[in-house]
Amino acid sequence: GAAGFIGMHVSERLLAAGHGVVGID
C-alpha cells in the first residue's frame, strides 16, 4: 500500500532513517 496515504508517509520516514524500501500497490 505504498501509494496510499499512510503507506507514503511511512515509506518516507523509513527512507529518511536510511532504510531501503520496496513499495507495492
mmCIF file of all heavy atoms, coordinates in Angstrom:
data_MODEL
# 
_entry.id   MODEL 
# 
loop_
_atom_site.group_PDB 
_atom_site.id 
_atom_site.type_symbol 
_atom_site.label_atom_id 
_atom_site.label_alt_id 
_atom_site.label_comp_id 
_atom_site.label_asym_id 
_atom_site.label_entity_id 
_atom_site.label_seq_id 
_atom_site.pdbx_PDB_ins_code 
_atom_site.Cartn_x 
_atom_site.Cartn_y 
_atom_site.Cartn_z 
_atom_site.occupancy 
_atom_site.B_iso_or_equiv 
_atom_site.pdbx_formal_charge 
_atom_site.auth_seq_id 
_atom_site.auth_comp_id 
_atom_site.auth_asym_id 
_atom_site.auth_atom_id 
_atom_site.pdbx_PDB_model_num 
ATOM 1   N N   . GLY A 1 1  ? 0.807  -1.211 0.000  1.00 0.00 ? 1  GLY A N   1 
ATOM 2   C CA  . GLY A 1 1  ? 0.000  0.000  0.000  1.00 0.00 ? 1  GLY A CA  1 
ATOM 3   C C   . GLY A 1 1  ? 0.841  1.262  0.000  1.00 0.00 ? 1  GLY A C   1 
ATOM 4   O O   . GLY A 1 1  ? 0.454  2.293  0.543  1.00 0.00 ? 1  GLY A O   1 
ATOM 5   N N   . ALA A 1 2  ? 2.013  1.209  -0.634 1.00 0.00 ? 2  ALA A N   1 
ATOM 6   C CA  . ALA A 1 2  ? 2.959  2.331  -0.583 1.00 0.00 ? 2  ALA A CA  1 
ATOM 7   C C   . ALA A 1 2  ? 2.436  3.572  -1.291 1.00 0.00 ? 2  ALA A C   1 
ATOM 8   O O   . ALA A 1 2  ? 2.893  4.683  -1.011 1.00 0.00 ? 2  ALA A O   1 
ATOM 9   C CB  . ALA A 1 2  ? 4.299  1.917  -1.184 1.00 0.00 ? 2  ALA A CB  1 
ATOM 10  N N   . ALA A 1 3  ? 1.489  3.403  -2.221 1.00 0.00 ? 3  ALA A N   1 
ATOM 11  C CA  . ALA A 1 3  ? 0.908  4.556  -2.899 1.00 0.00 ? 3  ALA A CA  1 
ATOM 12  C C   . ALA A 1 3  ? -0.264 5.131  -2.133 1.00 0.00 ? 3  ALA A C   1 
ATOM 13  O O   . ALA A 1 3  ? -0.870 6.111  -2.566 1.00 0.00 ? 3  ALA A O   1 
ATOM 14  C CB  . ALA A 1 3  ? 0.461  4.176  -4.312 1.00 0.00 ? 3  ALA A CB  1 
ATOM 15  N N   . GLY A 1 4  ? -0.589 4.526  -0.997 1.00 0.00 ? 4  GLY A N   1 
ATOM 16  C CA  . GLY A 1 4  ? -1.686 5.013  -0.171 1.00 0.00 ? 4  GLY A CA  1 
ATOM 17  C C   . GLY A 1 4  ? -1.253 6.137  0.749  1.00 0.00 ? 4  GLY A C   1 
ATOM 18  O O   . GLY A 1 4  ? -0.063 6.482  0.840  1.00 0.00 ? 4  GLY A O   1 
ATOM 19  N N   . PHE A 1 5  ? -2.204 6.711  1.423  1.00 0.00 ? 5  PHE A N   1 
ATOM 20  C CA  . PHE A 1 5  ? -1.973 7.840  2.312  1.00 0.00 ? 5  PHE A CA  1 
ATOM 21  C C   . PHE A 1 5  ? -0.954 7.509  3.398  1.00 0.00 ? 5  PHE A C   1 
ATOM 22  O O   . PHE A 1 5  ? 0.118  8.127  3.501  1.00 0.00 ? 5  PHE A O   1 
ATOM 23  C CB  . PHE A 1 5  ? -3.324 8.238  2.924  1.00 0.00 ? 5  PHE A CB  1 
ATOM 24  C CG  . PHE A 1 5  ? -3.285 9.246  4.031  1.00 0.00 ? 5  PHE A CG  1 
ATOM 25  C CD1 . PHE A 1 5  ? -2.387 10.307 4.024  1.00 0.00 ? 5  PHE A CD1 1 
ATOM 26  C CD2 . PHE A 1 5  ? -4.191 9.148  5.091  1.00 0.00 ? 5  PHE A CD2 1 
ATOM 27  C CE1 . PHE A 1 5  ? -2.378 11.253 5.045  1.00 0.00 ? 5  PHE A CE1 1 
ATOM 28  C CE2 . PHE A 1 5  ? -4.191 10.084 6.099  1.00 0.00 ? 5  PHE A CE2 1 
ATOM 29  C CZ  . PHE A 1 5  ? -3.283 11.140 6.088  1.00 0.00 ? 5  PHE A CZ  1 
ATOM 30  N N   . ILE A 1 6  ? -1.233 6.500  4.203  1.00 0.00 ? 6  ILE A N   1 
ATOM 31  C CA  . ILE A 1 6  ? -0.329 6.151  5.298  1.00 0.00 ? 6  ILE A CA  1 
ATOM 32  C C   . ILE A 1 6  ? 0.929  5.488  4.753  1.00 0.00 ? 6  ILE A C   1 
ATOM 33  O O   . ILE A 1 6  ? 2.039  5.737  5.240  1.00 0.00 ? 6  ILE A O   1 
ATOM 34  C CB  . ILE A 1 6  ? -1.045 5.241  6.316  1.00 0.00 ? 6  ILE A CB  1 
ATOM 35  C CG1 . ILE A 1 6  ? -2.271 5.951  6.888  1.00 0.00 ? 6  ILE A CG1 1 
ATOM 36  C CG2 . ILE A 1 6  ? -0.094 4.840  7.446  1.00 0.00 ? 6  ILE A CG2 1 
ATOM 37  C CD1 . ILE A 1 6  ? -3.130 5.090  7.790  1.00 0.00 ? 6  ILE A CD1 1 
ATOM 38  N N   . GLY A 1 7  ? 0.779  4.675  3.702  1.00 0.00 ? 7  GLY A N   1 
ATOM 39  C CA  . GLY A 1 7  ? 1.927  3.994  3.123  1.00 0.00 ? 7  GLY A CA  1 
ATOM 40  C C   . GLY A 1 7  ? 2.991  4.947  2.623  1.00 0.00 ? 7  GLY A C   1 
ATOM 41  O O   . GLY A 1 7  ? 4.191  4.702  2.790  1.00 0.00 ? 7  GLY A O   1 
ATOM 42  N N   . MET A 1 8  ? 2.573  6.041  1.993  1.00 0.00 ? 8  MET A N   1 
ATOM 43  C CA  . MET A 1 8  ? 3.546  7.021  1.512  1.00 0.00 ? 8  MET A CA  1 
ATOM 44  C C   . MET A 1 8  ? 4.324  7.637  2.664  1.00 0.00 ? 8  MET A C   1 
ATOM 45  O O   . MET A 1 8  ? 5.554  7.763  2.619  1.00 0.00 ? 8  MET A O   1 
ATOM 46  C CB  . MET A 1 8  ? 2.852  8.127  0.723  1.00 0.00 ? 8  MET A CB  1 
ATOM 47  C CG  . MET A 1 8  ? 3.809  9.108  0.066  1.00 0.00 ? 8  MET A CG  1 
ATOM 48  S SD  . MET A 1 8  ? 3.148  10.766 -0.206 1.00 0.00 ? 8  MET A SD  1 
ATOM 49  C CE  . MET A 1 8  ? 3.417  11.504 1.424  1.00 0.00 ? 8  MET A CE  1 
ATOM 50  N N   . HIS A 1 9  ? 3.605  8.029  3.718  1.00 0.00 ? 9  HIS A N   1 
ATOM 51  C CA  . HIS A 1 9  ? 4.258  8.702  4.843  1.00 0.00 ? 9  HIS A CA  1 
ATOM 52  C C   . HIS A 1 9  ? 5.181  7.749  5.605  1.00 0.00 ? 9  HIS A C   1 
ATOM 53  O O   . HIS A 1 9  ? 6.274  8.145  6.043  1.00 0.00 ? 9  HIS A O   1 
ATOM 54  C CB  . HIS A 1 9  ? 3.210  9.289  5.781  1.00 0.00 ? 9  HIS A CB  1 
ATOM 55  C CG  . HIS A 1 9  ? 2.583  10.549 5.261  1.00 0.00 ? 9  HIS A CG  1 
ATOM 56  N ND1 . HIS A 1 9  ? 3.145  11.793 5.462  1.00 0.00 ? 9  HIS A ND1 1 
ATOM 57  C CD2 . HIS A 1 9  ? 1.460  10.761 4.544  1.00 0.00 ? 9  HIS A CD2 1 
ATOM 58  C CE1 . HIS A 1 9  ? 2.385  12.722 4.902  1.00 0.00 ? 9  HIS A CE1 1 
ATOM 59  N NE2 . HIS A 1 9  ? 1.356  12.122 4.330  1.00 0.00 ? 9  HIS A NE2 1 
ATOM 60  N N   . VAL A 1 10 ? 4.768  6.494  5.775  1.00 0.00 ? 10 VAL A N   1 
ATOM 61  C CA  . VAL A 1 10 ? 5.621  5.519  6.450  1.00 0.00 ? 10 VAL A CA  1 
ATOM 62  C C   . VAL A 1 10 ? 6.868  5.253  5.620  1.00 0.00 ? 10 VAL A C   1 
ATOM 63  O O   . VAL A 1 10 ? 7.987  5.209  6.148  1.00 0.00 ? 10 VAL A O   1 
ATOM 64  C CB  . VAL A 1 10 ? 4.841  4.216  6.723  1.00 0.00 ? 10 VAL A CB  1 
ATOM 65  C CG1 . VAL A 1 10 ? 5.794  3.089  7.153  1.00 0.00 ? 10 VAL A CG1 1 
ATOM 66  C CG2 . VAL A 1 10 ? 3.782  4.441  7.792  1.00 0.00 ? 10 VAL A CG2 1 
ATOM 67  N N   . SER A 1 11 ? 6.706  5.094  4.305  1.00 0.00 ? 11 SER A N   1 
ATOM 68  C CA  . SER A 1 11 ? 7.856  4.869  3.427  1.00 0.00 ? 11 SER A CA  1 
ATOM 69  C C   . SER A 1 11 ? 8.818  6.044  3.502  1.00 0.00 ? 11 SER A C   1 
ATOM 70  O O   . SER A 1 11 ? 10.042 5.855  3.580  1.00 0.00 ? 11 SER A O   1 
ATOM 71  C CB  . SER A 1 11 ? 7.386  4.668  1.986  1.00 0.00 ? 11 SER A CB  1 
ATOM 72  O OG  . SER A 1 11 ? 6.585  3.517  1.856  1.00 0.00 ? 11 SER A OG  1 
ATOM 73  N N   . GLU A 1 12 ? 8.286  7.246  3.484  1.00 0.00 ? 12 GLU A N   1 
ATOM 74  C CA  . GLU A 1 12 ? 9.117  8.444  3.559  1.00 0.00 ? 12 GLU A CA  1 
ATOM 75  C C   . GLU A 1 12 ? 9.935  8.473  4.843  1.00 0.00 ? 12 GLU A C   1 
ATOM 76  O O   . GLU A 1 12 ? 11.134 8.797  4.841  1.00 0.00 ? 12 GLU A O   1 
ATOM 77  C CB  . GLU A 1 12 ? 8.223  9.680  3.474  1.00 0.00 ? 12 GLU A CB  1 
ATOM 78  C CG  . GLU A 1 12 ? 8.951  11.002 3.404  1.00 0.00 ? 12 GLU A CG  1 
ATOM 79  C CD  . GLU A 1 12 ? 7.983  12.156 3.239  1.00 0.00 ? 12 GLU A CD  1 
ATOM 80  O OE1 . GLU A 1 12 ? 6.962  12.195 3.958  1.00 0.00 ? 12 GLU A OE1 1 
ATOM 81  O OE2 . GLU A 1 12 ? 8.247  13.026 2.401  1.00 0.00 ? 12 GLU A OE2 1 
ATOM 82  N N   . ARG A 1 13 ? 9.321  8.092  5.951  1.00 0.00 ? 13 ARG A N   1 
ATOM 83  C CA  . ARG A 1 13 ? 10.032 8.097  7.240  1.00 0.00 ? 13 ARG A CA  1 
ATOM 84  C C   . ARG A 1 13 ? 11.095 7.006  7.285  1.00 0.00 ? 13 ARG A C   1 
ATOM 85  O O   . ARG A 1 13 ? 12.186 7.208  7.817  1.00 0.00 ? 13 ARG A O   1 
ATOM 86  C CB  . ARG A 1 13 ? 9.013  7.919  8.377  1.00 0.00 ? 13 ARG A CB  1 
ATOM 87  C CG  . ARG A 1 13 ? 9.574  8.201  9.759  1.00 0.00 ? 13 ARG A CG  1 
ATOM 88  C CD  . ARG A 1 13 ? 8.457  8.292  10.774 1.00 0.00 ? 13 ARG A CD  1 
ATOM 89  N NE  . ARG A 1 13 ? 7.663  9.486  10.593 1.00 0.00 ? 13 ARG A NE  1 
ATOM 90  C CZ  . ARG A 1 13 ? 7.904  10.654 11.171 1.00 0.00 ? 13 ARG A CZ  1 
ATOM 91  N NH1 . ARG A 1 13 ? 8.927  10.774 11.993 1.00 0.00 ? 13 ARG A NH1 1 
ATOM 92  N NH2 . ARG A 1 13 ? 7.121  11.694 10.962 1.00 0.00 ? 13 ARG A NH2 1 
ATOM 93  N N   . LEU A 1 14 ? 10.800 5.839  6.738  1.00 0.00 ? 14 LEU A N   1 
ATOM 94  C CA  . LEU A 1 14 ? 11.792 4.763  6.690  1.00 0.00 ? 14 LEU A CA  1 
ATOM 95  C C   . LEU A 1 14 ? 12.989 5.156  5.831  1.00 0.00 ? 14 LEU A C   1 
ATOM 96  O O   . LEU A 1 14 ? 14.142 4.906  6.189  1.00 0.00 ? 14 LEU A O   1 
ATOM 97  C CB  . LEU A 1 14 ? 11.152 3.487  6.148  1.00 0.00 ? 14 LEU A CB  1 
ATOM 98  C CG  . LEU A 1 14 ? 10.158 2.770  7.064  1.00 0.00 ? 14 LEU A CG  1 
ATOM 99  C CD1 . LEU A 1 14 ? 9.415  1.685  6.293  1.00 0.00 ? 14 LEU A CD1 1 
ATOM 100 C CD2 . LEU A 1 14 ? 10.859 2.180  8.277  1.00 0.00 ? 14 LEU A CD2 1 
ATOM 101 N N   . LEU A 1 15 ? 12.714 5.773  4.707  1.00 0.00 ? 15 LEU A N   1 
ATOM 102 C CA  . LEU A 1 15 ? 13.794 6.213  3.818  1.00 0.00 ? 15 LEU A CA  1 
ATOM 103 C C   . LEU A 1 15 ? 14.661 7.271  4.495  1.00 0.00 ? 15 LEU A C   1 
ATOM 104 O O   . LEU A 1 15 ? 15.891 7.254  4.373  1.00 0.00 ? 15 LEU A O   1 
ATOM 105 C CB  . LEU A 1 15 ? 13.206 6.764  2.519  1.00 0.00 ? 15 LEU A CB  1 
ATOM 106 C CG  . LEU A 1 15 ? 12.537 5.740  1.601  1.00 0.00 ? 15 LEU A CG  1 
ATOM 107 C CD1 . LEU A 1 15 ? 11.712 6.442  0.532  1.00 0.00 ? 15 LEU A CD1 1 
ATOM 108 C CD2 . LEU A 1 15 ? 13.569 4.821  0.958  1.00 0.00 ? 15 LEU A CD2 1 
ATOM 109 N N   . ALA A 1 16 ? 14.014 8.182  5.223  1.00 0.00 ? 16 ALA A N   1 
ATOM 110 C CA  . ALA A 1 16 ? 14.767 9.229  5.921  1.00 0.00 ? 16 ALA A CA  1 
ATOM 111 C C   . ALA A 1 16 ? 15.689 8.642  6.976  1.00 0.00 ? 16 ALA A C   1 
ATOM 112 O O   . ALA A 1 16 ? 16.730 9.219  7.304  1.00 0.00 ? 16 ALA A O   1 
ATOM 113 C CB  . ALA A 1 16 ? 13.801 10.228 6.557  1.00 0.00 ? 16 ALA A CB  1 
ATOM 114 N N   . ALA A 1 17 ? 15.317 7.468  7.511  1.00 0.00 ? 17 ALA A N   1 
ATOM 115 C CA  . ALA A 1 17 ? 16.140 6.796  8.510  1.00 0.00 ? 17 ALA A CA  1 
ATOM 116 C C   . ALA A 1 17 ? 17.246 5.954  7.881  1.00 0.00 ? 17 ALA A C   1 
ATOM 117 O O   . ALA A 1 17 ? 18.020 5.302  8.600  1.00 0.00 ? 17 ALA A O   1 
ATOM 118 C CB  . ALA A 1 17 ? 15.266 5.919  9.406  1.00 0.00 ? 17 ALA A CB  1 
ATOM 119 N N   . GLY A 1 18 ? 17.321 5.929  6.545  1.00 0.00 ? 18 GLY A N   1 
ATOM 120 C CA  . GLY A 1 18 ? 18.395 5.223  5.859  1.00 0.00 ? 18 GLY A CA  1 
ATOM 121 C C   . GLY A 1 18 ? 18.066 3.817  5.420  1.00 0.00 ? 18 GLY A C   1 
ATOM 122 O O   . GLY A 1 18 ? 18.943 3.101  4.922  1.00 0.00 ? 18 GLY A O   1 
ATOM 123 N N   . HIS A 1 19 ? 16.813 3.386  5.586  1.00 0.00 ? 19 HIS A N   1 
ATOM 124 C CA  . HIS A 1 19 ? 16.423 2.038  5.177  1.00 0.00 ? 19 HIS A CA  1 
ATOM 125 C C   . HIS A 1 19 ? 16.123 1.994  3.684  1.00 0.00 ? 19 HIS A C   1 
ATOM 126 O O   . HIS A 1 19 ? 15.826 3.012  3.060  1.00 0.00 ? 19 HIS A O   1 
ATOM 127 C CB  . HIS A 1 19 ? 15.183 1.583  5.951  1.00 0.00 ? 19 HIS A CB  1 
ATOM 128 C CG  . HIS A 1 19 ? 15.389 1.518  7.441  1.00 0.00 ? 19 HIS A CG  1 
ATOM 129 N ND1 . HIS A 1 19 ? 16.279 0.649  8.022  1.00 0.00 ? 19 HIS A ND1 1 
ATOM 130 C CD2 . HIS A 1 19 ? 14.831 2.232  8.448  1.00 0.00 ? 19 HIS A CD2 1 
ATOM 131 C CE1 . HIS A 1 19 ? 16.251 0.825  9.343  1.00 0.00 ? 19 HIS A CE1 1 
ATOM 132 N NE2 . HIS A 1 19 ? 15.392 1.784  9.617  1.00 0.00 ? 19 HIS A NE2 1 
ATOM 133 N N   . GLY A 1 20 ? 16.167 0.798  3.127  1.00 0.00 ? 20 GLY A N   1 
ATOM 134 C CA  . GLY A 1 20 ? 15.684 0.571  1.778  1.00 0.00 ? 20 GLY A CA  1 
ATOM 135 C C   . GLY A 1 20 ? 14.224 0.180  1.833  1.00 0.00 ? 20 GLY A C   1 
ATOM 136 O O   . GLY A 1 20 ? 13.802 -0.560 2.732  1.00 0.00 ? 20 GLY A O   1 
ATOM 137 N N   . VAL A 1 21 ? 13.430 0.663  0.892  1.00 0.00 ? 21 VAL A N   1 
ATOM 138 C CA  . VAL A 1 21 ? 12.002 0.374  0.875  1.00 0.00 ? 21 VAL A CA  1 
ATOM 139 C C   . VAL A 1 21 ? 11.604 -0.139 -0.509 1.00 0.00 ? 21 VAL A C   1 
ATOM 140 O O   . VAL A 1 21 ? 11.860 0.516  -1.519 1.00 0.00 ? 21 VAL A O   1 
ATOM 141 C CB  . VAL A 1 21 ? 11.162 1.626  1.218  1.00 0.00 ? 21 VAL A CB  1 
ATOM 142 C CG1 . VAL A 1 21 ? 9.668  1.332  1.050  1.00 0.00 ? 21 VAL A CG1 1 
ATOM 143 C CG2 . VAL A 1 21 ? 11.448 2.090  2.641  1.00 0.00 ? 21 VAL A CG2 1 
ATOM 144 N N   . VAL A 1 22 ? 10.994 -1.311 -0.518 1.00 0.00 ? 22 VAL A N   1 
ATOM 145 C CA  . VAL A 1 22 ? 10.326 -1.811 -1.711 1.00 0.00 ? 22 VAL A CA  1 
ATOM 146 C C   . VAL A 1 22 ? 8.837  -1.605 -1.481 1.00 0.00 ? 22 VAL A C   1 
ATOM 147 O O   . VAL A 1 22 ? 8.244  -2.209 -0.577 1.00 0.00 ? 22 VAL A O   1 
ATOM 148 C CB  . VAL A 1 22 ? 10.619 -3.301 -1.951 1.00 0.00 ? 22 VAL A CB  1 
ATOM 149 C CG1 . VAL A 1 22 ? 9.842  -3.803 -3.168 1.00 0.00 ? 22 VAL A CG1 1 
ATOM 150 C CG2 . VAL A 1 22 ? 12.110 -3.525 -2.138 1.00 0.00 ? 22 VAL A CG2 1 
ATOM 151 N N   . GLY A 1 23 ? 8.235  -0.718 -2.253 1.00 0.00 ? 23 GLY A N   1 
ATOM 152 C CA  . GLY A 1 23 ? 6.821  -0.410 -2.104 1.00 0.00 ? 23 GLY A CA  1 
ATOM 153 C C   . GLY A 1 23 ? 6.004  -1.136 -3.147 1.00 0.00 ? 23 GLY A C   1 
ATOM 154 O O   . GLY A 1 23 ? 6.402  -1.220 -4.316 1.00 0.00 ? 23 GLY A O   1 
ATOM 155 N N   . ILE A 1 24 ? 4.869  -1.672 -2.731 1.00 0.00 ? 24 ILE A N   1 
ATOM 156 C CA  . ILE A 1 24 ? 3.969  -2.311 -3.690 1.00 0.00 ? 24 ILE A CA  1 
ATOM 157 C C   . ILE A 1 24 ? 2.572  -1.720 -3.528 1.00 0.00 ? 24 ILE A C   1 
ATOM 158 O O   . ILE A 1 24 ? 2.190  -1.264 -2.443 1.00 0.00 ? 24 ILE A O   1 
ATOM 159 C CB  . ILE A 1 24 ? 3.938  -3.844 -3.554 1.00 0.00 ? 24 ILE A CB  1 
ATOM 160 C CG1 . ILE A 1 24 ? 3.268  -4.275 -2.244 1.00 0.00 ? 24 ILE A CG1 1 
ATOM 161 C CG2 . ILE A 1 24 ? 5.334  -4.427 -3.655 1.00 0.00 ? 24 ILE A CG2 1 
ATOM 162 C CD1 . ILE A 1 24 ? 2.970  -5.770 -2.192 1.00 0.00 ? 24 ILE A CD1 1 
ATOM 163 N N   . ASP A 1 25 ? 1.827  -1.730 -4.613 1.00 0.00 ? 25 ASP A N   1 
ATOM 164 C CA  . ASP A 1 25 ? 0.454  -1.229 -4.622 1.00 0.00 ? 25 ASP A CA  1 
ATOM 165 C C   . ASP A 1 25 ? -0.177 -1.682 -5.930 1.00 0.00 ? 25 ASP A C   1 
ATOM 166 O O   . ASP A 1 25 ? 0.528  -1.843 -6.936 1.00 0.00 ? 25 ASP A O   1 
ATOM 167 C CB  . ASP A 1 25 ? 0.448  0.302  -4.539 1.00 0.00 ? 25 ASP A CB  1 
ATOM 168 C CG  . ASP A 1 25 ? -0.845 0.863  -3.977 1.00 0.00 ? 25 ASP A CG  1 
ATOM 169 O OD1 . ASP A 1 25 ? -1.897 0.753  -4.654 1.00 0.00 ? 25 ASP A OD1 1 
ATOM 170 O OD2 . ASP A 1 25 ? -0.812 1.414  -2.870 1.00 0.00 ? 25 ASP A OD2 1 
# 
